[in-house]
Protein backbone atom coordinates (compact mmCIF):
# COMPACT_ATOMS: atom_id res chain seq x y z
CA MET A 1 8.85 -10.46 17.02
CA ASP A 2 7.93 -7.42 14.89
CA LYS A 3 4.73 -7.76 12.93
CA LEU A 4 4.65 -7.55 9.15
CA LYS A 5 3.38 -4.09 8.18
CA VAL A 6 0.76 -4.19 5.42
CA ILE A 7 -1.09 -1.48 3.50
CA VAL A 8 -4.27 -2.34 1.56
CA VAL A 9 -5.32 -0.20 -1.41
CA ASP A 10 -8.89 -0.38 -2.75
CA ASP A 11 -11.56 2.19 -3.57
CA HIS A 12 -14.37 0.05 -2.14
CA PRO A 13 -14.77 0.41 1.67
CA MET A 14 -16.37 -3.05 1.94
CA VAL A 15 -13.26 -4.65 0.40
CA ILE A 16 -11.01 -2.73 2.82
CA GLU A 17 -13.10 -3.89 5.78
CA GLY A 18 -13.14 -7.48 4.53
CA MET A 19 -9.35 -7.47 4.16
CA ARG A 20 -8.98 -5.84 7.57
CA ALA A 21 -11.08 -8.58 9.18
CA MET A 22 -9.05 -11.36 7.51
CA LEU A 23 -5.64 -9.78 8.16
CA GLN A 24 -6.52 -9.37 11.84
CA GLN A 25 -6.74 -13.17 12.03
CA ILE A 26 -3.14 -13.54 10.83
CA LEU A 27 -1.15 -13.07 14.03
CA TYR A 28 2.12 -11.87 12.48
CA VAL A 29 0.46 -9.23 10.28
CA GLU A 30 -0.46 -5.62 11.14
CA LEU A 31 -2.66 -3.57 8.81
CA CYS A 32 -0.91 -0.25 9.35
CA ALA A 33 -2.94 1.78 6.82
CA ALA A 34 -5.58 1.63 4.08
CA ALA A 35 -5.84 3.82 1.00
CA SER A 36 -8.61 4.38 -1.54
CA ASP A 37 -6.41 5.50 -4.45
CA ALA A 38 -2.83 5.40 -5.71
CA PHE A 39 -1.93 8.94 -4.59
CA MET A 40 -3.02 8.20 -1.02
CA ALA A 41 -1.22 4.85 -1.19
CA LEU A 42 2.10 6.44 -2.19
CA GLU A 43 1.75 8.95 0.65
CA MET A 44 0.97 6.17 3.17
CA VAL A 45 3.90 4.06 1.96
CA ARG A 46 6.34 6.97 2.43
CA LYS A 47 4.94 7.56 5.93
CA GLU A 48 4.51 3.97 7.18
CA GLN A 49 7.35 2.17 5.33
CA PRO A 50 5.37 -1.11 5.07
CA ASP A 51 6.76 -4.53 4.18
CA LEU A 52 3.87 -5.34 1.85
CA VAL A 53 1.22 -3.54 -0.21
CA ILE A 54 -1.92 -5.37 -1.35
CA THR A 55 -3.55 -3.35 -4.11
CA ASP A 56 -6.60 -3.58 -6.32
CA ILE A 57 -5.78 -3.40 -10.04
CA ASN A 58 -8.79 -1.25 -10.97
CA LEU A 59 -8.17 1.96 -9.03
CA PRO A 60 -9.50 5.40 -10.01
CA GLU A 61 -7.17 7.69 -11.99
CA ILE A 62 -3.96 5.64 -11.59
CA SER A 63 -4.33 1.86 -11.90
CA GLY A 64 -2.85 -0.71 -9.55
CA ILE A 65 -0.50 -1.65 -12.39
CA GLU A 66 0.98 1.87 -12.55
CA LEU A 67 0.97 2.11 -8.74
CA THR A 68 3.00 -1.11 -8.55
CA ALA A 69 5.57 0.27 -11.01
CA ARG A 70 5.89 3.48 -8.96
CA LEU A 71 6.18 1.60 -5.66
CA LYS A 72 8.90 -0.66 -7.04
CA LYS A 73 10.78 2.35 -8.42
CA GLU A 74 10.61 4.29 -5.14
CA SER A 75 10.99 1.34 -2.74
CA PRO A 76 12.27 -1.80 -4.51
CA ALA A 77 12.28 -3.83 -1.27
CA ILE A 78 8.50 -3.51 -0.76
CA LYS A 79 6.54 -6.59 -1.77
CA VAL A 80 3.35 -6.03 -3.78
CA ILE A 81 0.37 -8.36 -4.25
CA GLY A 82 -2.20 -7.36 -6.86
CA MET A 83 -5.85 -8.29 -6.47
CA SER A 84 -8.90 -8.14 -8.68
CA THR A 85 -12.38 -9.57 -9.13
CA PHE A 86 -11.13 -10.68 -12.57
CA ASN A 87 -8.62 -13.43 -13.29
CA ASP A 88 -7.80 -12.15 -16.77
CA ARG A 89 -4.31 -13.22 -17.83
CA SER A 90 -3.47 -9.85 -19.42
CA TYR A 91 -4.17 -8.05 -16.12
CA ILE A 92 -2.01 -10.51 -14.21
CA SER A 93 0.77 -10.35 -16.78
CA GLN A 94 0.79 -6.53 -16.67
CA MET A 95 0.93 -6.57 -12.86
CA ILE A 96 3.90 -8.94 -12.89
CA GLN A 97 5.61 -6.87 -15.59
CA SER A 98 5.20 -3.84 -13.30
CA GLY A 99 7.00 -5.75 -10.56
CA ALA A 100 4.20 -7.35 -8.53
CA ASP A 101 5.22 -10.35 -6.42
CA GLY A 102 1.85 -12.07 -6.51
CA PHE A 103 -1.80 -11.95 -7.49
CA LEU A 104 -5.01 -12.80 -5.62
CA VAL A 105 -8.64 -12.81 -6.67
CA LYS A 106 -10.81 -10.86 -4.23
CA SER A 107 -12.76 -13.97 -3.29
CA ALA A 108 -9.59 -15.52 -1.76
CA SER A 109 -9.99 -17.08 1.68
CA LYS A 110 -8.05 -16.02 4.77
CA GLU A 111 -5.95 -19.18 4.40
CA GLU A 112 -5.02 -18.31 0.81
CA ILE A 113 -4.21 -14.69 1.70
CA GLU A 114 -1.91 -16.00 4.43
CA ARG A 115 -0.25 -18.40 1.93
CA ALA A 116 0.22 -15.55 -0.54
CA ILE A 117 1.77 -13.27 2.08
CA SER A 118 4.08 -16.02 3.32
CA SER A 119 5.17 -16.90 -0.24
CA VAL A 120 5.98 -13.38 -1.40
CA MET A 121 7.81 -12.53 1.83
CA ASP A 122 9.93 -15.63 1.22
CA GLY A 123 10.80 -14.28 -2.23
CA GLN A 124 8.47 -16.55 -4.23
CA MET A 125 5.87 -15.50 -6.79
CA TYR A 126 2.30 -16.34 -5.71
CA LEU A 127 -0.61 -16.74 -8.11
CA SER A 128 -4.15 -17.31 -6.81
CA VAL A 129 -5.51 -20.86 -6.96
CA ASP A 130 -8.62 -19.40 -8.62
CA ILE A 131 -6.76 -18.08 -11.66
CA ASN A 132 -8.18 -19.72 -14.75
CA MET A 133 -4.91 -21.23 -16.04
CA ASP A 134 -3.39 -24.66 -16.18
CA THR A 135 -0.19 -25.51 -14.30
CA GLN A 136 2.02 -24.94 -17.32
CA GLU A 137 0.54 -21.48 -17.96
CA LYS A 138 1.03 -20.52 -14.32
CA LYS A 139 4.64 -21.69 -14.45
CA ALA A 140 5.23 -19.68 -17.64
CA LEU A 141 3.79 -16.58 -15.98
CA LYS A 142 5.90 -17.06 -12.85
CA ASP A 143 9.01 -17.54 -15.00
CA GLN A 144 8.28 -14.47 -17.12
CA PRO A 145 11.13 -11.96 -16.79
CA VAL A 146 10.32 -8.58 -15.27
CA LEU A 147 11.51 -5.71 -17.47
CA THR A 148 12.18 -2.08 -16.67
CA ARG A 149 10.24 0.59 -18.56
CA ARG A 150 13.32 1.39 -20.67
CA GLU A 151 13.89 -2.29 -21.47
CA LYS A 152 10.27 -2.56 -22.66
CA GLU A 153 10.76 0.50 -24.88
CA ILE A 154 13.91 -0.95 -26.44
CA LEU A 155 12.34 -4.39 -26.84
CA SER A 156 9.41 -2.84 -28.71
CA LEU A 157 11.79 -0.99 -31.04
CA ILE A 158 13.83 -4.16 -31.63
CA ALA A 159 10.57 -5.90 -32.56
CA ASP A 160 9.88 -3.03 -35.01
CA GLY A 161 13.17 -3.89 -36.73
CA LEU A 162 15.23 -0.90 -35.60
CA THR A 163 19.02 -1.24 -35.31
CA ASN A 164 20.96 -0.19 -32.20
CA PRO A 165 22.04 3.17 -33.76
CA GLN A 166 18.44 3.87 -34.80
CA ILE A 167 17.17 3.06 -31.27
CA ALA A 168 19.86 5.30 -29.73
CA GLY A 169 18.81 8.18 -32.02
CA LYS A 170 15.10 7.70 -31.37
CA LEU A 171 15.46 7.55 -27.55
CA PHE A 172 18.28 10.14 -27.33
CA ILE A 173 20.57 7.74 -25.47
CA SER A 174 24.07 6.48 -26.24
CA LEU A 175 24.78 3.49 -28.45
CA ASN A 176 26.57 1.87 -25.50
CA THR A 177 23.41 2.21 -23.34
CA VAL A 178 21.28 0.56 -26.03
CA ASP A 179 23.84 -2.25 -26.35
CA THR A 180 23.79 -2.81 -22.56
CA HIS A 181 19.96 -2.94 -22.50
CA ARG A 182 19.92 -5.36 -25.45
CA LYS A 183 22.41 -7.65 -23.66
CA ASN A 184 20.28 -7.49 -20.49
CA LEU A 185 17.17 -8.42 -22.49
CA LEU A 186 18.93 -11.40 -24.08
CA ALA A 187 20.12 -12.53 -20.63
CA LYS A 188 16.66 -12.15 -19.05
CA PHE A 189 15.04 -14.22 -21.80
CA GLU A 190 17.98 -16.67 -21.77
CA THR A 191 18.59 -16.40 -25.51
CA ASN A 192 21.41 -15.16 -27.72
CA ASN A 193 19.71 -13.61 -30.75
CA SER A 194 17.07 -10.99 -31.51
CA ALA A 195 14.76 -13.32 -33.45
CA SER A 196 14.20 -15.67 -30.50
CA LEU A 197 14.08 -12.67 -28.14
CA ILE A 198 11.13 -11.25 -30.09
CA ARG A 199 9.47 -14.67 -30.31
CA LEU A 200 9.76 -15.29 -26.54
CA ALA A 201 8.60 -11.79 -25.65
CA SER A 202 5.60 -12.16 -27.97
CA LYS A 203 4.76 -15.56 -26.47
CA SER A 204 4.88 -14.02 -22.97
CA GLY A 205 2.50 -11.26 -24.06
CA ILE A 206 5.06 -8.53 -23.36
CA ILE A 207 4.99 -7.22 -26.94
């Protein structure tokens, strides 16, 4: 059986070594590379074609949030788990909005890391047990729709009260494209009008 190829991204060597030690105890996982910043990570991903990237959120120059968005754009099939010493909801929400499949705090045990890996590889969102949220908040975060960068732009303009023709003019795209994005947004938030779309997006912390 082929091992699961994993890349770890963190600018602290001690964290890399700690993750290496724990991943070595998971028999079906192979740490194929480690990177200290987003540029190195993107290069390693192109070279190694991993199944999973575990990245720190607070990276130098380009954050783990932006790295996640780039990874998902270049290689949508790659799973990404964000990690941080903080369990701040806004960080976690931004990671998930960028396409992350899970989130761990850096103090996670080997057993929890293994659970997280197993969950995301099975297509489920994983949120660390140490995140300071109640069950309902965690469920809301897991259920939060993931939007593309263009969808976020259009959602923000809808919230500002712009009409479809105004949005099309501002973003230099066709009216039909705006209409398609608006329909996709309504479908993702499971609503049928702009007022509730804005309310749900605001409640989720997206706008």
